[in-house]
Structures are given as structure tokens and as C-alpha cells.
Amino acid sequence: MATLRIPTPMRGFTNNQAEVTAPGATVGEVLKNLDTRHPGIGGRVFDERGAVRRYVNVYLNDEDIRALSGLDTPVKDVDRITLIPAMAGG
């Protein structure tokens, strides 16, 4: 299973765990399984069309999935997925 790094604002869905695991052959499958294991987090990651929200960056190891194959990017059990919500301020 891939390891997912959960940002502080989303840890309420994971019982305050900074890292969790979820199975899947692609980034999309892992993220959907993450929502199955931790209900509600998917609403923070996906928009109403099932795409990653514009303000959420998803990294597979050190690569932005937008520069790879997006949600179809293959995942190995040793991979790490990091969720990074964009921050705003002034």
C-alpha cells in the first residue's frame, strides 16, 4: 500500500494521523480508497467532477502528478503520496 502524507488541515478526517496507507494501482485509486477508509477527505481532495481540486497539489514521491499522468499515474507499494493544499494570504 502507498503511504499518504496528510496535511494538518485534513487530519481531522484521519484521526489526526500525519501518515496513513491506502491500496491502489494508480494515484486516483489510492485517493478514492483513502476516502473509503477516512470518509469525508475525498470532498477536500476532489471536485464535483472527480478531478483533483485546483487548490490541492498531489505529489507522487517528489513529482507533481500534473507533470506525470495525473490520477492515472501508476503507484507502487513503496511510493509516497503527499497532499498539499494551497495557502492564501496577504
C-alpha atoms as a PDB file:
ATOM      1  CA  MET A   1       0.000   0.000   0.000  1.00  0.00           C
ATOM      2  CA  ALA A   2       1.121   3.511  -0.722  1.00  0.00           C
ATOM      3  CA  THR A   3       1.792   5.874   2.175  1.00  0.00           C
ATOM      4  CA  LEU A   4      -0.067   9.185   2.130  1.00  0.00           C
ATOM      5  CA  ARG A   5       1.176  12.284   3.910  1.00  0.00           C
ATOM      6  CA  ILE A   6      -1.857  14.167   5.229  1.00  0.00           C
ATOM      7  CA  PRO A   7      -1.638  17.945   5.749  1.00  0.00           C
ATOM      8  CA  THR A   8      -2.675  19.381   9.105  1.00  0.00           C
ATOM      9  CA  PRO A   9      -5.982  20.891   7.849  1.00  0.00           C
ATOM     10  CA  MET A  10      -7.133  17.436   6.639  1.00  0.00           C
ATOM     11  CA  ARG A  11      -6.005  15.382   9.640  1.00  0.00           C
ATOM     12  CA  GLY A  12      -9.428  15.640  11.267  1.00  0.00           C
ATOM     13  CA  PHE A  13     -10.515  13.002   8.744  1.00  0.00           C
ATOM     14  CA  THR A  14      -7.637  10.655   9.678  1.00  0.00           C
ATOM     15  CA  ASN A  15      -7.898  10.787  13.490  1.00  0.00           C
ATOM     16  CA  ASN A  16      -5.051  13.316  13.477  1.00  0.00           C
ATOM     17  CA  GLN A  17      -2.662  10.894  11.783  1.00  0.00           C
ATOM     18  CA  ALA A  18       0.010  12.588   9.690  1.00  0.00           C
ATOM     19  CA  GLU A  19       0.518   9.452   7.582  1.00  0.00           C
ATOM     20  CA  VAL A  20      -1.910   6.748   6.521  1.00  0.00           C
ATOM     21  CA  THR A  21      -1.848   3.978   3.940  1.00  0.00           C
ATOM     22  CA  ALA A  22      -4.291   3.033   1.201  1.00  0.00           C
ATOM     23  CA  PRO A  23      -4.220   0.450  -1.587  1.00  0.00           C
ATOM     24  CA  GLY A  24      -4.449   1.154  -5.300  1.00  0.00           C
ATOM     25  CA  ALA A  25      -2.674   0.710  -8.606  1.00  0.00           C
ATOM     26  CA  THR A  26      -2.954   4.399  -9.566  1.00  0.00           C
ATOM     27  CA  VAL A  27      -2.943   7.702  -7.701  1.00  0.00           C
ATOM     28  CA  GLY A  28      -6.685   8.013  -8.359  1.00  0.00           C
ATOM     29  CA  GLU A  29      -7.411   4.571  -6.893  1.00  0.00           C
ATOM     30  CA  VAL A  30      -5.291   5.301  -3.824  1.00  0.00           C
ATOM     31  CA  LEU A  31      -7.079   8.604  -3.225  1.00  0.00           C
ATOM     32  CA  LYS A  32     -10.519   7.008  -3.644  1.00  0.00           C
ATOM     33  CA  ASN A  33      -9.532   4.249  -1.221  1.00  0.00           C
ATOM     34  CA  LEU A  34      -8.279   6.935   1.156  1.00  0.00           C
ATOM     35  CA  ASP A  35     -11.787   8.410   1.169  1.00  0.00           C
ATOM     36  CA  THR A  36     -13.287   4.960   1.766  1.00  0.00           C
ATOM     37  CA  ARG A  37     -11.009   4.435   4.775  1.00  0.00           C
ATOM     38  CA  HIS A  38     -11.368   8.028   6.021  1.00  0.00           C
ATOM     39  CA  PRO A  39     -14.800   9.286   4.893  1.00  0.00           C
ATOM     40  CA  GLY A  40     -15.047  12.951   4.010  1.00  0.00           C
ATOM     41  CA  ILE A  41     -11.459  13.579   2.999  1.00  0.00           C
ATOM     42  CA  GLY A  42     -12.375  12.957  -0.643  1.00  0.00           C
ATOM     43  CA  GLY A  43     -14.549  16.075  -0.609  1.00  0.00           C
ATOM     44  CA  ARG A  44     -11.468  18.106   0.260  1.00  0.00           C
ATOM     45  CA  VAL A  45      -9.373  16.479  -2.496  1.00  0.00           C
ATOM     46  CA  PHE A  46     -11.855  16.006  -5.367  1.00  0.00           C
ATOM     47  CA  ASP A  47     -14.237  18.455  -7.001  1.00  0.00           C
ATOM     48  CA  GLU A  48     -17.769  17.570  -8.123  1.00  0.00           C
ATOM     49  CA  ARG A  49     -16.432  16.102 -11.409  1.00  0.00           C
ATOM     50  CA  GLY A  50     -13.981  13.793  -9.645  1.00  0.00           C
ATOM     51  CA  ALA A  51     -10.897  15.833 -10.582  1.00  0.00           C
ATOM     52  CA  VAL A  52      -8.339  16.993  -8.030  1.00  0.00           C
ATOM     53  CA  ARG A  53      -9.363  20.427  -6.779  1.00  0.00           C
ATOM     54  CA  ARG A  54      -7.372  23.308  -8.235  1.00  0.00           C
ATOM     55  CA  TYR A  55      -6.027  24.338  -4.860  1.00  0.00           C
ATOM     56  CA  VAL A  56      -4.809  20.863  -3.879  1.00  0.00           C
ATOM     57  CA  ASN A  57      -1.420  19.702  -5.101  1.00  0.00           C
ATOM     58  CA  VAL A  58      -0.756  15.979  -5.170  1.00  0.00           C
ATOM     59  CA  TYR A  59       2.797  14.666  -5.310  1.00  0.00           C
ATOM     60  CA  LEU A  60       3.932  11.125  -6.001  1.00  0.00           C
ATOM     61  CA  ASN A  61       7.279  10.930  -4.262  1.00  0.00           C
ATOM     62  CA  ASP A  62       8.764  14.276  -5.385  1.00  0.00           C
ATOM     63  CA  GLU A  63       6.802  14.720  -8.635  1.00  0.00           C
ATOM     64  CA  ASP A  64       3.606  16.717  -9.105  1.00  0.00           C
ATOM     65  CA  ILE A  65       1.078  14.295 -10.623  1.00  0.00           C
ATOM     66  CA  ARG A  66       0.055  17.043 -13.078  1.00  0.00           C
ATOM     67  CA  ALA A  67       3.501  16.619 -14.683  1.00  0.00           C
ATOM     68  CA  LEU A  68       3.034  12.836 -14.772  1.00  0.00           C
ATOM     69  CA  SER A  69      -0.196  11.074 -15.820  1.00  0.00           C
ATOM     70  CA  GLY A  70      -2.462  12.787 -13.304  1.00  0.00           C
ATOM     71  CA  LEU A  71      -4.805  10.473 -11.439  1.00  0.00           C
ATOM     72  CA  ASP A  72      -3.812   7.647 -13.819  1.00  0.00           C
ATOM     73  CA  THR A  73      -0.195   7.717 -12.614  1.00  0.00           C
ATOM     74  CA  PRO A  74       0.848   4.196 -11.557  1.00  0.00           C
ATOM     75  CA  VAL A  75       1.656   3.637  -7.877  1.00  0.00           C
ATOM     76  CA  LYS A  76       3.915   1.053  -6.231  1.00  0.00           C
ATOM     77  CA  ASP A  77       3.637  -0.090  -2.620  1.00  0.00           C
ATOM     78  CA  VAL A  78       6.846   1.760  -1.729  1.00  0.00           C
ATOM     79  CA  ASP A  79       5.573   5.100  -3.093  1.00  0.00           C
ATOM     80  CA  ARG A  80       4.608   8.121  -1.008  1.00  0.00           C
ATOM     81  CA  ILE A  81       1.756  10.430  -1.971  1.00  0.00           C
ATOM     82  CA  THR A  82       1.715  13.901  -0.440  1.00  0.00           C
ATOM     83  CA  LEU A  83      -1.340  16.148  -0.352  1.00  0.00           C
ATOM     84  CA  ILE A  84      -0.562  19.862  -0.199  1.00  0.00           C
ATOM     85  CA  PRO A  85      -3.416  22.378  -0.063  1.00  0.00           C
ATOM     86  CA  ALA A  86      -2.581  25.803  -1.446  1.00  0.00           C
ATOM     87  CA  MET A  87      -2.299  28.553   1.136  1.00  0.00           C
ATOM     88  CA  ALA A  88      -3.663  32.030   0.630  1.00  0.00           C
ATOM     89  CA  GLY A  89      -2.956  35.184   2.479  1.00  0.00           C
ATOM     90  CA  GLY A  90      -1.662  38.617   2.224  1.00  0.00           C
END
